[in-house]
C-alpha atoms as a PDB file:
ATOM      1  CA  MET A   1      13.919 -65.106  -2.546  1.00  0.00           C
ATOM      2  CA  PHE A   2      15.818 -62.587  -4.634  1.00  0.00           C
ATOM      3  CA  ARG A   3      17.866 -60.133  -2.604  1.00  0.00           C
ATOM      4  CA  LEU A   4      19.573 -56.964  -3.790  1.00  0.00           C
ATOM      5  CA  SER A   5      23.172 -56.586  -2.822  1.00  0.00           C
ATOM      6  CA  LEU A   6      24.097 -53.673  -0.592  1.00  0.00           C
ATOM      7  CA  PRO A   7      26.105 -51.824  -3.300  1.00  0.00           C
ATOM      8  CA  ILE A   8      23.159 -51.974  -5.697  1.00  0.00           C
ATOM      9  CA  VAL A   9      20.795 -50.650  -3.024  1.00  0.00           C
ATOM     10  CA  LYS A  10      23.162 -47.752  -2.258  1.00  0.00           C
ATOM     11  CA  PHE A  11      23.507 -46.924  -5.940  1.00  0.00           C
ATOM     12  CA  ALA A  12      19.748 -46.957  -6.416  1.00  0.00           C
ATOM     13  CA  LEU A  13      19.258 -44.609  -3.449  1.00  0.00           C
ATOM     14  CA  VAL A  14      21.874 -42.185  -4.781  1.00  0.00           C
ATOM     15  CA  VAL A  15      20.204 -42.123  -8.218  1.00  0.00           C
ATOM     16  CA  LEU A  16      16.789 -41.616  -6.622  1.00  0.00           C
ATOM     17  CA  GLY A  17      18.168 -38.773  -4.526  1.00  0.00           C
ATOM     18  CA  LEU A  18      19.625 -37.054  -7.587  1.00  0.00           C
ATOM     19  CA  VAL A  19      16.327 -37.370  -9.443  1.00  0.00           C
ATOM     20  CA  VAL A  20      14.389 -35.886  -6.529  1.00  0.00           C
ATOM     21  CA  LEU A  21      16.909 -33.033  -6.151  1.00  0.00           C
ATOM     22  CA  THR A  22      16.866 -32.250  -9.874  1.00  0.00           C
ATOM     23  CA  THR A  23      13.068 -32.250  -9.923  1.00  0.00           C
ATOM     24  CA  ALA A  24      12.943 -29.929  -6.904  1.00  0.00           C
ATOM     25  CA  VAL A  25      15.408 -27.493  -8.469  1.00  0.00           C
ATOM     26  CA  GLU A  26      13.510 -27.454 -11.756  1.00  0.00           C
ATOM     27  CA  ALA A  27      10.226 -26.907  -9.904  1.00  0.00           C
ATOM     28  CA  GLN A  28      11.770 -24.043  -7.942  1.00  0.00           C
ATOM     29  CA  GLU A  29      13.007 -22.448 -11.159  1.00  0.00           C
ATOM     30  CA  ARG A  30       9.566 -22.764 -12.698  1.00  0.00           C
ATOM     31  CA  LYS A  31       7.823 -21.301  -9.698  1.00  0.00           C
ATOM     32  CA  THR A  32       9.727 -18.061  -9.196  1.00  0.00           C
ATOM     33  CA  ARG A  33       9.940 -14.880 -11.269  1.00  0.00           C
ATOM     34  CA  THR A  34      11.656 -11.598 -10.511  1.00  0.00           C
ATOM     35  CA  LYS A  35      11.527  -7.953 -11.601  1.00  0.00           C
ATOM     36  CA  ILE A  36       8.079  -7.942 -13.201  1.00  0.00           C
ATOM     37  CA  LYS A  37       6.854  -4.572 -14.418  1.00  0.00           C
ATOM     38  CA  GLY A  38       3.649  -3.639 -16.176  1.00  0.00           C
ATOM     39  CA  LYS A  39       0.463  -1.598 -16.169  1.00  0.00           C
ATOM     40  CA  VAL A  40      -2.893  -2.510 -14.671  1.00  0.00           C
ATOM     41  CA  ASP A  41      -5.442  -3.737 -17.184  1.00  0.00           C
ATOM     42  CA  GLU A  42      -8.128  -4.913 -14.756  1.00  0.00           C
ATOM     43  CA  VAL A  43      -8.443  -4.946 -10.979  1.00  0.00           C
ATOM     44  CA  SER A  44     -10.773  -6.605  -8.497  1.00  0.00           C
ATOM     45  CA  GLU A  45     -10.489  -7.547  -4.847  1.00  0.00           C
ATOM     46  CA  GLY A  46      -7.366  -9.647  -4.352  1.00  0.00           C
ATOM     47  CA  ARG A  47      -6.543  -9.899  -8.042  1.00  0.00           C
ATOM     48  CA  MET A  48      -5.027  -7.786 -10.819  1.00  0.00           C
ATOM     49  CA  ILE A  49      -4.485  -8.351 -14.516  1.00  0.00           C
ATOM     50  CA  ILE A  50      -1.442  -6.478 -15.775  1.00  0.00           C
ATOM     51  CA  ILE A  51       0.111  -6.022 -19.212  1.00  0.00           C
ATOM     52  CA  ASP A  52       3.748  -7.120 -19.049  1.00  0.00           C
ATOM     53  CA  ALA A  53       6.063  -4.193 -19.852  1.00  0.00           C
ATOM     54  CA  SER A  54       8.608  -6.524 -21.470  1.00  0.00           C
ATOM     55  CA  ASP A  55       6.454  -6.805 -24.599  1.00  0.00           C
ATOM     56  CA  ASN A  56       3.392  -4.600 -23.828  1.00  0.00           C
ATOM     57  CA  THR A  57       1.226  -7.503 -24.973  1.00  0.00           C
ATOM     58  CA  THR A  58       1.325 -10.445 -22.561  1.00  0.00           C
ATOM     59  CA  LYS A  59      -1.276 -10.374 -19.796  1.00  0.00           C
ATOM     60  CA  LEU A  60      -0.342 -11.660 -16.343  1.00  0.00           C
ATOM     61  CA  ALA A  61      -2.697 -12.362 -13.455  1.00  0.00           C
ATOM     62  CA  LEU A  62      -1.481 -11.315 -10.007  1.00  0.00           C
ATOM     63  CA  GLN A  63      -3.185 -13.089  -7.134  1.00  0.00           C
ATOM     64  CA  VAL A  64      -2.675 -10.778  -4.155  1.00  0.00           C
ATOM     65  CA  SER A  65      -2.918 -12.809  -0.959  1.00  0.00           C
ATOM     66  CA  ASN A  66      -3.118 -11.624   2.650  1.00  0.00           C
ATOM     67  CA  ARG A  67       0.617 -12.255   2.873  1.00  0.00           C
ATOM     68  CA  SER A  68       1.448 -10.012  -0.079  1.00  0.00           C
ATOM     69  CA  LYS A  69       2.882  -6.643   0.966  1.00  0.00           C
ATOM     70  CA  VAL A  70       1.080  -3.928  -1.004  1.00  0.00           C
ATOM     71  CA  ASP A  71       2.314  -0.355  -1.392  1.00  0.00           C
ATOM     72  CA  VAL A  72       0.204   2.032  -3.471  1.00  0.00           C
ATOM     73  CA  GLU A  73       1.704   5.497  -3.892  1.00  0.00           C
ATOM     74  CA  GLY A  74       0.649   8.660  -5.669  1.00  0.00           C
ATOM     75  CA  SER A  75      -0.761  12.108  -5.034  1.00  0.00           C
ATOM     76  CA  ALA A  76      -4.066  13.903  -4.597  1.00  0.00           C
ATOM     77  CA  ASP A  77      -5.613  17.299  -5.226  1.00  0.00           C
ATOM     78  CA  ALA A  78      -6.075  19.431  -2.114  1.00  0.00           C
ATOM     79  CA  ALA A  79      -9.826  19.328  -2.877  1.00  0.00           C
ATOM     80  CA  TYR A  80      -9.722  15.578  -2.180  1.00  0.00           C
ATOM     81  CA  LEU A  81      -9.347  16.382   1.521  1.00  0.00           C
ATOM     82  CA  THR A  82     -12.973  16.067   2.573  1.00  0.00           C
ATOM     83  CA  PRO A  83     -14.792  14.690   5.652  1.00  0.00           C
ATOM     84  CA  GLY A  84     -14.354  10.930   5.972  1.00  0.00           C
ATOM     85  CA  VAL A  85     -10.953  10.791   4.258  1.00  0.00           C
ATOM     86  CA  PRO A  86      -8.183   9.123   6.343  1.00  0.00           C
ATOM     87  CA  VAL A  87      -4.975  11.180   6.629  1.00  0.00           C
ATOM     88  CA  HIS A  88      -1.475  10.840   8.061  1.00  0.00           C
ATOM     89  CA  PHE A  89       0.878  13.708   8.897  1.00  0.00           C
ATOM     90  CA  PHE A  90       3.600  15.059  11.193  1.00  0.00           C
ATOM     91  CA  ALA A  91       3.189  18.428  12.918  1.00  0.00           C
ATOM     92  CA  ASP A  92       4.460  20.507  15.825  1.00  0.00           C
ATOM     93  CA  MET A  93       1.479  20.652  18.202  1.00  0.00           C
ATOM     94  CA  THR A  94       0.520  22.175  21.527  1.00  0.00           C
ATOM     95  CA  ALA A  95      -0.851  20.200  24.467  1.00  0.00           C
ATOM     96  CA  ALA A  96      -4.334  21.157  23.219  1.00  0.00           C
ATOM     97  CA  ASN A  97      -3.646  19.256  19.950  1.00  0.00           C
ATOM     98  CA  VAL A  98      -3.399  22.421  17.862  1.00  0.00           C
ATOM     99  CA  ALA A  99      -0.733  22.915  15.193  1.00  0.00           C
ATOM    100  CA  PRO A 100      -0.034  26.671  15.042  1.00  0.00           C
ATOM    101  CA  GLU A 101       2.000  26.518  11.822  1.00  0.00           C
ATOM    102  CA  PRO A 102       0.338  25.673   8.475  1.00  0.00           C
ATOM    103  CA  LEU A 103       0.927  22.099   7.359  1.00  0.00           C
ATOM    104  CA  LYS A 104       2.982  21.822   4.162  1.00  0.00           C
ATOM    105  CA  GLU A 105       2.555  18.080   3.564  1.00  0.00           C
ATOM    106  CA  ILE A 106      -0.198  15.562   4.327  1.00  0.00           C
ATOM    107  CA  THR A 107      -0.882  12.017   3.117  1.00  0.00           C
ATOM    108  CA  VAL A 108      -4.231  10.380   2.402  1.00  0.00           C
ATOM    109  CA  CYS A 109      -3.860   6.821   3.577  1.00  0.00           C
ATOM    110  CA  THR A 110      -5.185   3.483   4.739  1.00  0.00           C
ATOM    111  CA  ILE A 111      -6.553   3.133   8.249  1.00  0.00           C
ATOM    112  CA  ASP A 112      -7.131  -0.352   9.662  1.00  0.00           C
ATOM    113  CA  GLU A 113      -6.814  -2.259  12.923  1.00  0.00           C
ATOM    114  CA  GLU A 114      -3.574  -4.021  12.024  1.00  0.00           C
ATOM    115  CA  ASP A 115      -0.575  -2.052  10.741  1.00  0.00           C
ATOM    116  CA  ASN A 116      -2.271   1.323  10.184  1.00  0.00           C
ATOM    117  CA  LYS A 117      -4.139   2.069  13.373  1.00  0.00           C
ATOM    118  CA  PRO A 118      -5.319   5.583  14.287  1.00  0.00           C
ATOM    119  CA  LEU A 119      -2.674   7.308  16.399  1.00  0.00           C
ATOM    120  CA  CYS A 120      -1.437  10.556  17.878  1.00  0.00           C
ATOM    121  CA  ILE A 121       2.032   9.925  19.303  1.00  0.00           C
ATOM    122  CA  SER A 122       5.419  11.570  19.590  1.00  0.00           C
ATOM    123  CA  ALA A 123       7.218  11.453  16.245  1.00  0.00           C
ATOM    124  CA  ASP A 124      10.432  10.654  18.110  1.00  0.00           C
ATOM    125  CA  PRO A 125       9.752   8.717  21.326  1.00  0.00           C
ATOM    126  CA  THR A 126      13.459   8.917  22.288  1.00  0.00           C
ATOM    127  CA  LYS A 127      13.120  12.657  22.929  1.00  0.00           C
ATOM    128  CA  PRO A 128      11.603  13.924  26.193  1.00  0.00           C
ATOM    129  CA  LYS A 129       8.229  15.576  25.790  1.00  0.00           C
ATOM    130  CA  LYS A 130       8.190  19.331  26.350  1.00  0.00           C
ATOM    131  CA  LYS A 131       5.761  20.452  29.015  1.00  0.00           C
ATOM    132  CA  GLY A 132       3.624  23.564  29.232  1.00  0.00           C
ATOM    133  CA  LYS A 133       0.474  24.865  27.576  1.00  0.00           C
ATOM    134  CA  ASP A 134       2.300  26.510  24.700  1.00  0.00           C
ATOM    135  CA  ALA A 135       5.131  23.998  24.357  1.00  0.00           C
ATOM    136  CA  LEU A 136       5.392  22.418  20.928  1.00  0.00           C
ATOM    137  CA  ASN A 137       6.049  18.728  20.385  1.00  0.00           C
ATOM    138  CA  ASN A 138       6.492  17.060  17.019  1.00  0.00           C
ATOM    139  CA  MET A 139       3.670  14.528  16.712  1.00  0.00           C
ATOM    140  CA  GLU A 140       2.697  11.784  14.281  1.00  0.00           C
ATOM    141  CA  VAL A 141      -1.021  11.681  13.568  1.00  0.00           C
ATOM    142  CA  ARG A 142      -3.195   9.191  11.700  1.00  0.00           C
ATOM    143  CA  GLY A 143      -6.909   9.833  11.755  1.00  0.00           C
ATOM    144  CA  THR A 144      -9.999  10.746   9.754  1.00  0.00           C
ATOM    145  CA  ILE A 145     -11.042  14.216   8.634  1.00  0.00           C
ATOM    146  CA  LYS A 146     -14.128  15.244  10.569  1.00  0.00           C
ATOM    147  CA  ALA A 147     -14.498  18.768   9.166  1.00  0.00           C
ATOM    148  CA  ILE A 148     -12.712  21.157   6.827  1.00  0.00           C
ATOM    149  CA  LYS A 149     -13.404  24.816   6.104  1.00  0.00           C
ATOM    150  CA  ASN A 150     -11.172  27.462   4.545  1.00  0.00           C
ATOM    151  CA  GLY A 151      -8.125  25.214   4.841  1.00  0.00           C
ATOM    152  CA  LYS A 152      -8.710  24.454   8.531  1.00  0.00           C
ATOM    153  CA  LEU A 153      -9.098  20.762   9.390  1.00  0.00           C
ATOM    154  CA  THR A 154     -10.414  18.889  12.377  1.00  0.00           C
ATOM    155  CA  VAL A 155      -9.068  15.344  12.437  1.00  0.00           C
ATOM    156  CA  ASP A 156     -10.613  12.603  14.589  1.00  0.00           C
ATOM    157  CA  VAL A 157      -8.281  10.066  16.196  1.00  0.00           C
ATOM    158  CA  PRO A 158     -10.568   7.430  17.728  1.00  0.00           C
ATOM    159  CA  SER A 159      -9.432   5.424  20.729  1.00  0.00           C
ATOM    160  CA  GLN A 160     -11.190   3.456  23.440  1.00  0.00           C
ATOM    161  CA  ARG A 161      -9.003   5.044  26.098  1.00  0.00           C
ATOM    162  CA  ASN A 162      -8.245   8.521  24.795  1.00  0.00           C
ATOM    163  CA  PRO A 163     -10.099   9.723  21.676  1.00  0.00           C
ATOM    164  CA  GLN A 164      -8.663  12.985  20.371  1.00  0.00           C
ATOM    165  CA  GLN A 165      -9.400  15.779  17.911  1.00  0.00           C
ATOM    166  CA  ILE A 166      -6.537  17.508  16.132  1.00  0.00           C
ATOM    167  CA  LYS A 167      -6.735  21.041  14.721  1.00  0.00           C
ATOM    168  CA  ILE A 168      -4.491  21.910  11.773  1.00  0.00           C
ATOM    169  CA  THR A 169      -4.330  24.511   9.024  1.00  0.00           C
ATOM    170  CA  LEU A 170      -3.179  23.673   5.515  1.00  0.00           C
ATOM    171  CA  ALA A 171      -0.571  25.806   3.783  1.00  0.00           C
ATOM    172  CA  PRO A 172      -1.850  27.380   0.520  1.00  0.00           C
ATOM    173  CA  ASP A 173       0.610  25.227  -1.440  1.00  0.00           C
ATOM    174  CA  VAL A 174       0.139  22.079   0.649  1.00  0.00           C
ATOM    175  CA  LYS A 175       1.510  18.902  -0.933  1.00  0.00           C
ATOM    176  CA  VAL A 176      -0.995  16.038  -0.762  1.00  0.00           C
ATOM    177  CA  LEU A 177       0.488  12.561  -1.111  1.00  0.00           C
ATOM    178  CA  ALA A 178      -1.292   9.208  -1.242  1.00  0.00           C
ATOM    179  CA  HIS A 179      -0.217   5.915   0.307  1.00  0.00           C
ATOM    180  CA  PHE A 180      -2.421   2.836   0.624  1.00  0.00           C
ATOM    181  CA  THR A 181      -1.758  -0.768   1.627  1.00  0.00           C
ATOM    182  CA  ASP A 182      -4.582  -2.406  -0.339  1.00  0.00           C
ATOM    183  CA  LEU A 183      -5.925  -2.374  -3.902  1.00  0.00           C
ATOM    184  CA  SER A 184      -8.953  -0.164  -3.239  1.00  0.00           C
ATOM    185  CA  MET A 185      -7.585   2.845  -5.130  1.00  0.00           C
ATOM    186  CA  VAL A 186      -5.809   0.960  -7.930  1.00  0.00           C
ATOM    187  CA  ARG A 187      -7.164   1.577 -11.435  1.00  0.00           C
ATOM    188  CA  PRO A 188      -6.329   0.558 -15.018  1.00  0.00           C
ATOM    189  CA  GLY A 189      -3.264   2.387 -16.300  1.00  0.00           C
ATOM    190  CA  ASP A 190      -1.459   2.441 -12.945  1.00  0.00           C
ATOM    191  CA  ALA A 191       2.148   1.199 -13.008  1.00  0.00           C
ATOM    192  CA  VAL A 192       2.997  -2.053 -11.198  1.00  0.00           C
ATOM    193  CA  ASP A 193       6.402  -3.237  -9.991  1.00  0.00           C
ATOM    194  CA  VAL A 194       6.780  -6.778  -8.591  1.00  0.00           C
ATOM    195  CA  PRO A 195      10.273  -7.576  -7.238  1.00  0.00           C
ATOM    196  CA  TRP A 196       9.559 -11.302  -6.746  1.00  0.00           C
ATOM    197  CA  ALA A 197       6.612 -13.635  -7.292  1.00  0.00           C
ATOM    198  CA  MET A 198       5.778 -17.327  -7.110  1.00  0.00           C
ATOM    199  CA  GLU A 199       4.580 -18.743 -10.411  1.00  0.00           C
ATOM    200  CA  LEU A 200       1.530 -20.984 -10.114  1.00  0.00           C
ATOM    201  CA  ASP A 201       1.165 -20.935 -13.889  1.00  0.00           C
ATOM    202  CA  PRO A 202       3.105 -19.123 -16.645  1.00  0.00           C
ATOM    203  CA  VAL A 203       0.530 -16.321 -16.484  1.00  0.00           C
ATOM    204  CA  LEU A 204      -0.628 -16.664 -12.840  1.00  0.00           C
ATOM    205  CA  LEU A 205       1.658 -15.198 -10.180  1.00  0.00           C
ATOM    206  CA  VAL A 206       1.474 -14.697  -6.419  1.00  0.00           C
ATOM    207  CA  PRO A 207       3.638 -11.654  -5.546  1.00  0.00           C
ATOM    208  CA  GLN A 208       5.511 -11.521  -2.286  1.00  0.00           C
ATOM    209  CA  SER A 209       5.249  -7.758  -2.521  1.00  0.00           C
ATOM    210  CA  LEU A 210       4.209  -5.200  -5.105  1.00  0.00           C
ATOM    211  CA  LYS A 211       4.354  -1.453  -5.589  1.00  0.00           C
ATOM    212  CA  VAL A 212       1.690   0.406  -7.528  1.00  0.00           C
ATOM    213  CA  THR A 213       2.177   3.989  -8.680  1.00  0.00           C
ATOM    214  CA  LEU A 214      -1.056   5.846  -9.368  1.00  0.00           C
ATOM    215  CA  ALA A 215      -1.169   7.221 -12.911  1.00  0.00           C
ATOM    216  CA  ASN A 216      -3.427  10.119 -11.918  1.00  0.00           C
ATOM    217  CA  PRO A 217      -4.008  12.216  -8.792  1.00  0.00           C
ATOM    218  CA  LEU A 218      -7.000  11.516  -6.578  1.00  0.00           C
ATOM    219  CA  VAL A 219      -9.739  14.123  -6.850  1.00  0.00           C
ATOM    220  CA  ALA A 220     -12.856  14.942  -4.850  1.00  0.00           C
ATOM    221  CA  GLU A 221     -15.851  12.964  -6.076  1.00  0.00           C
ATOM    222  CA  LYS A 222     -17.906  16.079  -6.773  1.00  0.00           C
ATOM    223  CA  THR A 223     -15.250  17.178  -9.302  1.00  0.00           C
ATOM    224  CA  ALA A 224     -14.474  13.708 -10.627  1.00  0.00           C
ATOM    225  CA  LYS A 225     -17.442  13.653 -13.049  1.00  0.00           C
ATOM    226  CA  LYS A 226     -18.560  10.214 -11.872  1.00  0.00           C
ATOM    227  CA  THR A 227     -15.100   8.687 -12.295  1.00  0.00           C
ATOM    228  CA  PRO A 228     -14.867   5.596 -10.004  1.00  0.00           C
ATOM    229  CA  ALA A 229     -13.467   6.422  -6.559  1.00  0.00           C
ATOM    230  CA  GLY A 230     -12.566   9.962  -7.531  1.00  0.00           C
ATOM    231  CA  ARG A 231      -9.734   9.135  -9.915  1.00  0.00           C
ATOM    232  CA  LYS A 232      -8.709  11.355 -12.833  1.00  0.00           C
ATOM    233  CA  THR A 233      -8.889   8.678 -15.493  1.00  0.00           C
ATOM    234  CA  THR A 234     -11.064   7.551 -18.362  1.00  0.00           C
ATOM    235  CA  ALA A 235     -10.002   3.912 -18.050  1.00  0.00           C
ATOM    236  CA  LYS A 236     -12.607   1.387 -17.039  1.00  0.00           C
ATOM    237  CA  SER A 237     -12.263  -0.640 -13.838  1.00  0.00           C
ATOM    238  CA  SER A 238     -13.711  -4.044 -13.144  1.00  0.00           C
ATOM    239  CA  LYS A 239     -14.050  -3.335  -9.463  1.00  0.00           C
END
């Protein structure tokens, strides 16, 4: 029986190890891409087609998984604040959940049961809560608009233990921001920034995280002239 000498076996193992290492490194290089920028061409649940900003021609498919961190930012018209819209804000409030001063900034947002739950809590839990009927405490609120009239809002904060209603007044020049953690409000023309993505194919990427900047403000559906999801845009969405 033919037997390999020990030196030959060691040499073969070293060569095999180098081949495996080289292949792994090459595969890693093929499967990662960084600093991808572009604009949305099409969007559907869990998937976006973007036009690569490097040449404004190449189309890339982004497969957005449950592990992908999504940040969608933009703004909205004050008229977008209607019953049923989720909002997030900070305000000095009394024990009766009334904010006596007009609110200068409010954000329309995502509400879910994971990272964006409804809440009404102290904005700074390290500070002792002031007591008394008229004492003001700075609170963080995330809830859904129940009613709005003449700039006065009632916001529902549902809870199994302690459901609450918050009363606020909007300042005449209130700034309305938008922040979402899913693709529901993304439309063609919005800007996309992907810091890092895994490449499944030269034109198919799975982003670790992505930031989308809305190209147009959100508007109330009654003034949106049948634009999908109340967006000021003439682009066509596949969603």
